[in-house]
């Protein structure tokens, strides 16, 4: 019943493509059409795509550019190795500030390996 309604809705405002990778779960790619990037409407060439920003944090002041990218709806892959080697106390302050902001926006923060953090907005789900 629900799938039939989704199939009917698909023809109205979104295009849905099913992507199957052998040996993995099935995922559905949804073209969101009018997605926005950085507050501006997406161009037809970028329609349905989400930005991934790779940032490096070397001091506490660098968190502002990371938070700006996250507020714009981008996924942020953050390298913290330089700060980790420099000052562990400052790294904890950075992570706490990022965590507070992300939780306020209903996003998620995930440690990837030892030197990377993945920060995602609420529109992205991280499967653990």
Protein backbone atom coordinates (compact mmCIF):
# COMPACT_ATOMS: atom_id res chain seq x y z
CA UNK A 1 0.00 0.00 0.00
CA UNK A 2 2.69 2.49 1.04
CA UNK A 3 4.99 1.41 -1.77
CA UNK A 4 2.21 1.89 -4.32
CA UNK A 5 1.65 5.46 -3.08
CA UNK A 6 5.39 6.15 -3.22
CA UNK A 7 5.52 4.79 -6.76
CA UNK A 8 2.63 7.06 -7.75
CA UNK A 9 4.27 10.06 -6.08
CA UNK A 10 7.52 9.40 -7.91
CA UNK A 11 6.07 10.41 -11.22
CA UNK A 12 4.79 13.68 -9.76
CA UNK A 13 7.85 15.37 -8.27
CA UNK A 14 10.92 13.16 -7.83
CA UNK A 15 12.80 10.60 -9.83
CA UNK A 16 13.82 7.42 -8.05
CA UNK A 17 16.55 5.08 -9.24
CA UNK A 18 17.29 1.76 -7.59
CA UNK A 19 20.96 0.97 -7.23
CA UNK A 20 21.96 -2.61 -6.52
CA UNK A 21 25.53 -3.56 -5.61
CA UNK A 22 26.17 -7.31 -5.46
CA UNK A 23 26.63 -8.53 -1.89
CA UNK A 24 25.42 -5.30 -0.28
CA UNK A 25 22.10 -3.85 0.83
CA UNK A 26 19.79 -2.23 -1.67
CA UNK A 27 19.64 1.55 -1.55
CA UNK A 28 17.36 3.97 -3.33
CA UNK A 29 18.74 7.19 -4.75
CA UNK A 30 16.28 10.06 -4.63
CA UNK A 31 16.71 13.08 -6.86
CA UNK A 32 15.51 15.99 -4.73
CA UNK A 33 15.30 18.36 -7.67
CA UNK A 34 15.34 21.76 -5.96
CA UNK A 35 18.08 21.17 -3.39
CA UNK A 36 19.91 24.24 -2.14
CA UNK A 37 23.63 24.65 -1.57
CA UNK A 38 24.93 27.46 0.58
CA UNK A 39 21.56 29.20 0.71
CA UNK A 40 21.26 29.44 -3.08
CA UNK A 41 19.02 27.31 -5.27
CA UNK A 42 20.88 24.46 -6.95
CA UNK A 43 21.60 24.70 -10.63
CA UNK A 44 20.17 21.97 -12.88
CA UNK A 45 23.66 20.47 -13.19
CA UNK A 46 23.88 20.08 -9.37
CA UNK A 47 20.27 19.07 -8.87
CA UNK A 48 19.87 16.29 -6.32
CA UNK A 49 23.47 16.36 -5.15
CA UNK A 50 24.86 17.10 -1.71
CA UNK A 51 28.22 18.72 -1.10
CA UNK A 52 31.03 17.09 0.82
CA UNK A 53 33.56 19.49 2.32
CA UNK A 54 36.98 18.34 3.51
CA UNK A 55 38.42 20.61 6.20
CA UNK A 56 41.51 20.61 8.38
CA UNK A 57 41.36 22.01 11.92
CA UNK A 58 44.65 23.24 13.37
CA UNK A 59 43.29 25.54 16.11
CA UNK A 60 40.04 26.40 17.88
CA UNK A 61 39.36 29.33 15.53
CA UNK A 62 39.03 26.94 12.57
CA UNK A 63 35.76 25.57 13.96
CA UNK A 64 33.82 28.54 12.61
CA UNK A 65 34.46 27.65 8.95
CA UNK A 66 33.56 24.03 9.71
CA UNK A 67 30.28 25.06 11.34
CA UNK A 68 29.50 27.39 8.43
CA UNK A 69 29.91 24.54 5.94
CA UNK A 70 27.69 22.33 8.11
CA UNK A 71 24.99 25.01 8.42
CA UNK A 72 24.92 25.26 4.63
CA UNK A 73 23.82 21.62 4.53
CA UNK A 74 27.12 20.05 3.50
CA UNK A 75 28.69 16.88 4.82
CA UNK A 76 32.02 17.74 6.47
CA UNK A 77 34.98 15.38 6.64
CA UNK A 78 37.27 16.93 9.26
CA UNK A 79 40.94 16.09 9.72
CA UNK A 80 42.01 16.63 13.35
CA UNK A 81 45.48 15.06 13.26
CA UNK A 82 47.42 18.35 13.44
CA UNK A 83 45.44 19.58 16.45
CA UNK A 84 45.63 16.18 18.13
CA UNK A 85 49.42 16.20 17.92
CA UNK A 86 49.63 19.87 18.97
CA UNK A 87 47.22 20.18 21.93
CA UNK A 88 44.83 17.48 23.13
CA UNK A 89 42.97 19.89 25.45
CA UNK A 90 42.19 22.22 22.56
CA UNK A 91 41.03 19.24 20.50
CA UNK A 92 38.54 18.37 23.24
CA UNK A 93 37.23 21.97 23.20
CA UNK A 94 36.81 21.82 19.41
CA UNK A 95 34.96 18.49 19.55
CA UNK A 96 32.66 19.72 22.34
CA UNK A 97 31.77 22.86 20.39
CA UNK A 98 31.09 20.88 17.23
CA UNK A 99 29.05 18.33 19.17
CA UNK A 100 26.87 21.01 20.79
CA UNK A 101 26.14 22.70 17.47
CA UNK A 102 25.45 19.47 15.62
CA UNK A 103 23.09 18.18 18.31
CA UNK A 104 21.22 21.51 18.24
CA UNK A 105 20.75 21.05 14.47
CA UNK A 106 19.75 17.36 14.82
CA UNK A 107 22.85 16.29 12.90
CA UNK A 108 25.38 13.62 13.78
CA UNK A 109 29.12 13.42 14.47
CA UNK A 110 31.12 10.24 13.98
CA UNK A 111 34.78 9.42 14.56
CA UNK A 112 36.37 7.85 11.50
CA UNK A 113 39.69 6.18 12.19
CA UNK A 114 41.81 8.15 14.68
CA UNK A 115 42.42 11.38 12.83
CA UNK A 116 39.09 12.10 11.11
CA UNK A 117 35.60 13.21 12.14
CA UNK A 118 32.50 12.98 9.97
CA UNK A 119 29.90 15.70 10.56
CA UNK A 120 26.54 15.37 8.84
CA UNK A 121 23.39 17.52 8.80
CA UNK A 122 20.00 16.16 9.84
CA UNK A 123 19.17 15.15 6.25
CA UNK A 124 21.89 12.48 6.31
CA UNK A 125 21.77 9.24 8.29
CA UNK A 126 24.95 7.46 9.33
CA UNK A 127 24.50 3.68 9.67
CA UNK A 128 26.78 2.26 12.36
